[in-house]
């Protein structure tokens, strides 16, 4: 159970980091449409 919990936590952390990176990329290059990042 602990392993699953850790995997979920790290998965969420990685997702959050990925979203932050994507947001930084969007602000950097000024792409207006959010669907492009999806």
N, C-alpha and C. Protein backbone atom coordinates (compact mmCIF):
# COMPACT_ATOMS: atom_id res chain seq x y z
N UNK A 1 0.83 -1.20 0.00
CA UNK A 1 0.00 0.00 0.00
C UNK A 1 0.87 1.26 0.00
N UNK A 2 1.96 1.21 0.76
CA UNK A 2 2.84 2.37 0.83
C UNK A 2 3.45 2.70 -0.53
N UNK A 3 3.79 1.64 -1.27
CA UNK A 3 4.37 1.85 -2.59
C UNK A 3 3.39 2.54 -3.51
N UNK A 4 2.14 2.09 -3.49
CA UNK A 4 1.12 2.71 -4.34
C UNK A 4 0.92 4.17 -3.98
N UNK A 5 0.93 4.44 -2.68
CA UNK A 5 0.75 5.82 -2.21
C UNK A 5 1.90 6.69 -2.72
N UNK A 6 3.13 6.16 -2.61
CA UNK A 6 4.30 6.91 -3.08
C UNK A 6 4.24 7.14 -4.58
N UNK A 7 3.83 6.11 -5.32
CA UNK A 7 3.75 6.23 -6.78
C UNK A 7 2.75 7.32 -7.14
N UNK A 8 1.62 7.35 -6.44
CA UNK A 8 0.61 8.37 -6.71
C UNK A 8 1.16 9.75 -6.40
N UNK A 9 1.84 9.88 -5.26
CA UNK A 9 2.39 11.17 -4.87
C UNK A 9 3.40 11.67 -5.90
N UNK A 10 4.31 10.78 -6.31
CA UNK A 10 5.33 11.20 -7.28
C UNK A 10 4.71 11.46 -8.64
N UNK A 11 3.64 10.71 -8.96
CA UNK A 11 2.94 10.95 -10.23
C UNK A 11 2.33 12.35 -10.23
N UNK A 12 1.70 12.72 -9.11
CA UNK A 12 1.09 14.05 -9.02
C UNK A 12 2.16 15.14 -9.06
N UNK A 13 3.27 14.90 -8.37
CA UNK A 13 4.36 15.88 -8.36
C UNK A 13 4.92 16.07 -9.77
N UNK A 14 5.09 14.96 -10.49
CA UNK A 14 5.62 15.03 -11.85
C UNK A 14 4.63 15.77 -12.75
N UNK A 15 3.33 15.49 -12.56
CA UNK A 15 2.31 16.16 -13.36
C UNK A 15 2.33 17.67 -13.10
N UNK A 16 2.43 18.04 -11.82
CA UNK A 16 2.46 19.46 -11.46
C UNK A 16 3.68 20.14 -12.08
N UNK A 17 4.82 19.48 -12.02
CA UNK A 17 6.04 20.04 -12.60
C UNK A 17 5.88 20.18 -14.11
N UNK A 18 5.26 19.19 -14.74
CA UNK A 18 5.04 19.22 -16.19
C UNK A 18 4.13 20.38 -16.56
N UNK A 19 3.07 20.58 -15.76
CA UNK A 19 2.12 21.67 -16.02
C UNK A 19 2.82 23.02 -15.85
N UNK A 20 3.65 23.12 -14.80
CA UNK A 20 4.39 24.37 -14.58
C UNK A 20 5.32 24.64 -15.76
N UNK A 21 5.99 23.60 -16.24
CA UNK A 21 6.91 23.76 -17.37
C UNK A 21 6.14 24.20 -18.61
N UNK A 22 4.96 23.58 -18.80
CA UNK A 22 4.13 23.93 -19.95
C UNK A 22 3.67 25.38 -19.87
N UNK A 23 3.28 25.81 -18.67
CA UNK A 23 2.82 27.18 -18.49
C UNK A 23 3.95 28.16 -18.76
N UNK A 24 5.14 27.83 -18.29
CA UNK A 24 6.30 28.69 -18.52
C UNK A 24 6.59 28.77 -20.01
N UNK A 25 6.48 27.63 -20.70
CA UNK A 25 6.69 27.59 -22.14
C UNK A 25 5.69 28.48 -22.85
N UNK A 26 4.42 28.39 -22.44
CA UNK A 26 3.37 29.18 -23.08
C UNK A 26 3.60 30.67 -22.87
N UNK A 27 3.96 31.08 -21.66
CA UNK A 27 4.17 32.50 -21.39
C UNK A 27 5.42 32.97 -22.13
N UNK A 28 6.39 32.09 -22.27
CA UNK A 28 7.64 32.46 -22.93
C UNK A 28 7.41 32.72 -24.42
N UNK A 29 6.66 31.82 -25.07
CA UNK A 29 6.46 31.93 -26.51
C UNK A 29 5.14 32.60 -26.87
N UNK A 30 4.32 32.92 -25.86
CA UNK A 30 3.10 33.68 -26.10
C UNK A 30 2.10 32.99 -27.00
N UNK A 31 1.91 31.69 -26.83
CA UNK A 31 0.90 30.98 -27.62
C UNK A 31 -0.47 31.21 -26.97
N UNK A 32 -1.40 31.81 -27.70
CA UNK A 32 -2.68 32.22 -27.11
C UNK A 32 -3.63 31.08 -26.78
N UNK A 33 -3.61 30.00 -27.58
CA UNK A 33 -4.60 28.94 -27.36
C UNK A 33 -4.08 27.88 -26.39
N UNK A 34 -4.82 27.64 -25.30
CA UNK A 34 -4.42 26.64 -24.30
C UNK A 34 -4.54 25.21 -24.81
N UNK A 35 -5.34 25.00 -25.85
CA UNK A 35 -5.53 23.65 -26.39
C UNK A 35 -4.23 23.14 -27.02
N UNK A 36 -3.33 24.04 -27.39
CA UNK A 36 -2.07 23.66 -28.01
C UNK A 36 -1.20 22.85 -27.05
N UNK A 37 -1.30 23.19 -25.75
CA UNK A 37 -0.49 22.50 -24.76
C UNK A 37 -1.02 21.09 -24.51
N UNK A 38 -2.33 20.90 -24.71
CA UNK A 38 -2.93 19.60 -24.43
C UNK A 38 -2.37 18.54 -25.34
